Amino acid sequence: MPIRIEPAEGTRLKLGGDVETMVSLSLRAQREGFALAFSDGTLLRGSYDLKLRELRLQLASEGRSNCAIRRCRHGDMAMLDAPIDWISIAAGSDALSPSESSEEADATQLELAIRPALAA
C-alpha cells in the first residue's frame, strides 16, 4: 500500500497508507525545517511556511519507491508507491548535513551528505 504524507490542521503531518498517524512538528522543525527518511532509502526535506501556513516538501534522495510530490490544499503532499517498514523524522537545518566530529565516544552522530534531486 502506498504511503501518503500531507499537511494536516496546524503544524502537523498526516501519514496515511501502511501507517496511519498524525505527527506534530516541533518548534525547531517549524523554524529550521525537517527531514523524513524512509526504509526504502527515500529522503525528503520539508519546511513549513508559518506566514502562508503551508507545508513544502522536496525530494532529497530517491529510494526504491517512486516518489511523487504534488500541491494540495495546504501545501505539498508526497506519495511513495512501495511498502515502508519505518519512517524517521529529524528536525532542524542540520538534519541532512554532516556534523562535526565529537570528542565523546557516546555522542557519535550519523553523518549524511545529501544533495537535493534536480528536476531535468
Protein backbone atom coordinates (compact mmCIF):
# COMPACT_ATOMS: atom_id res chain seq x y z
CA MET A 1 0.00 0.00 0.00
CA PRO A 2 1.41 3.44 -0.88
CA ILE A 3 2.43 5.90 1.82
CA ARG A 4 0.99 9.42 1.76
CA ILE A 5 2.40 12.41 3.68
CA GLU A 6 0.24 15.53 3.66
CA PRO A 7 -0.32 18.66 5.72
CA ALA A 8 -2.90 18.49 8.47
CA GLU A 9 -4.51 21.22 10.55
CA GLY A 10 -1.96 23.44 12.23
CA THR A 11 1.67 22.39 12.03
CA ARG A 12 1.06 18.66 11.78
CA LEU A 13 1.75 15.98 9.19
CA LYS A 14 -0.79 13.29 8.35
CA LEU A 15 0.73 9.96 7.37
CA GLY A 16 -1.57 7.52 5.59
CA GLY A 17 -1.28 4.14 3.90
CA ASP A 18 0.65 1.37 5.65
CA VAL A 19 0.93 3.77 8.60
CA GLU A 20 -1.97 5.93 9.82
CA THR A 21 -0.84 8.62 12.24
CA MET A 22 -0.51 12.35 12.86
CA VAL A 23 2.86 13.94 13.66
CA SER A 24 3.16 17.39 15.26
CA LEU A 25 6.14 19.39 14.02
CA SER A 26 8.36 20.69 16.81
CA LEU A 27 9.14 24.40 17.05
CA ARG A 28 12.62 23.71 15.69
CA ALA A 29 11.17 21.81 12.71
CA GLN A 30 8.81 24.72 12.04
CA ARG A 31 11.64 27.29 12.17
CA GLU A 32 14.50 25.38 10.53
CA GLY A 33 12.87 22.60 8.52
CA PHE A 34 12.98 18.84 8.89
CA ALA A 35 13.92 15.61 7.12
CA LEU A 36 11.86 12.48 6.51
CA ALA A 37 13.82 9.23 5.97
CA PHE A 38 12.08 6.07 4.77
CA SER A 39 13.21 2.44 5.00
CA ASP A 40 13.39 2.17 1.19
CA GLY A 41 16.12 4.85 1.08
CA THR A 42 13.92 7.81 0.15
CA LEU A 43 14.82 11.10 1.86
CA LEU A 44 12.59 14.18 1.80
CA ARG A 45 13.34 17.71 3.00
CA GLY A 46 10.43 19.56 4.50
CA SER A 47 9.68 23.08 5.62
CA TYR A 48 6.66 24.85 6.99
CA ASP A 49 5.87 28.42 5.95
CA LEU A 50 4.36 29.98 9.08
CA LYS A 51 3.05 33.05 7.22
CA LEU A 52 1.30 31.10 4.46
CA ARG A 53 0.62 28.11 6.74
CA GLU A 54 1.81 25.74 4.04
CA LEU A 55 3.97 22.62 4.01
CA ARG A 56 6.75 22.36 1.43
CA LEU A 57 8.38 19.04 0.53
CA GLN A 58 11.40 18.38 -1.69
CA LEU A 59 12.93 15.07 -2.79
CA ALA A 60 16.50 14.95 -1.44
CA SER A 61 17.32 11.36 -2.45
CA GLU A 62 15.20 8.81 -4.29
CA GLY A 63 14.97 5.32 -2.84
CA ARG A 64 13.37 2.16 -4.26
CA SER A 65 9.91 3.77 -4.25
CA ASN A 66 8.69 6.16 -6.89
CA CYS A 67 8.03 9.42 -5.06
CA ALA A 68 5.52 11.94 -6.38
CA ILE A 69 5.10 15.38 -4.80
CA ARG A 70 2.10 17.48 -5.75
CA ARG A 71 0.26 20.52 -4.45
CA CYS A 72 -2.77 20.13 -2.24
CA ARG A 73 -4.93 22.48 -0.18
CA HIS A 74 -2.34 23.39 2.48
CA GLY A 75 0.93 22.84 0.64
CA ASP A 76 2.65 19.76 -0.74
CA MET A 77 1.67 16.10 -0.49
CA ALA A 78 4.10 13.23 -1.12
CA MET A 79 3.18 9.72 -2.26
CA LEU A 80 5.58 6.75 -2.14
CA ASP A 81 4.40 3.70 -4.07
CA ALA A 82 6.18 0.89 -2.18
CA PRO A 83 5.59 -0.61 1.28
CA ILE A 84 7.62 1.06 4.03
CA ASP A 85 8.95 -0.68 7.17
CA TRP A 86 9.82 2.50 9.07
CA ILE A 87 9.84 6.29 8.84
CA SER A 88 12.16 8.62 10.76
CA ILE A 89 11.72 12.37 11.19
CA ALA A 90 14.58 14.68 12.19
CA ALA A 91 14.15 18.38 12.97
CA GLY A 92 16.50 21.23 12.23
CA SER A 93 18.51 22.71 9.40
CA ASP A 94 21.36 20.27 10.13
CA ALA A 95 19.14 17.17 9.85
CA LEU A 96 20.61 16.23 6.46
CA SER A 97 24.04 17.83 6.88
CA PRO A 98 27.33 16.36 8.03
CA SER A 99 28.03 17.00 11.71
CA GLU A 100 31.29 17.92 13.38
CA SER A 101 33.21 15.01 14.87
CA SER A 102 32.51 14.54 18.53
CA GLU A 103 35.20 14.06 21.16
CA GLU A 104 32.85 11.88 23.20
CA ALA A 105 32.53 8.26 22.06
CA ASP A 106 28.86 8.04 23.04
CA ALA A 107 27.94 11.27 21.19
CA THR A 108 28.66 9.94 17.69
CA GLN A 109 26.12 11.09 15.12
CA LEU A 110 25.29 9.51 11.78
CA GLU A 111 26.56 11.81 9.06
CA LEU A 112 24.51 12.23 5.88
CA ALA A 113 25.69 14.10 2.81
CA ILE A 114 22.53 14.63 0.76
CA ARG A 115 22.06 16.87 -2.26
CA PRO A 116 18.54 17.76 -3.43
CA ALA A 117 17.46 15.96 -6.60
CA LEU A 118 17.31 18.37 -9.52
CA ALA A 119 14.46 18.18 -12.00
CA ALA A 120 15.61 17.50 -15.54
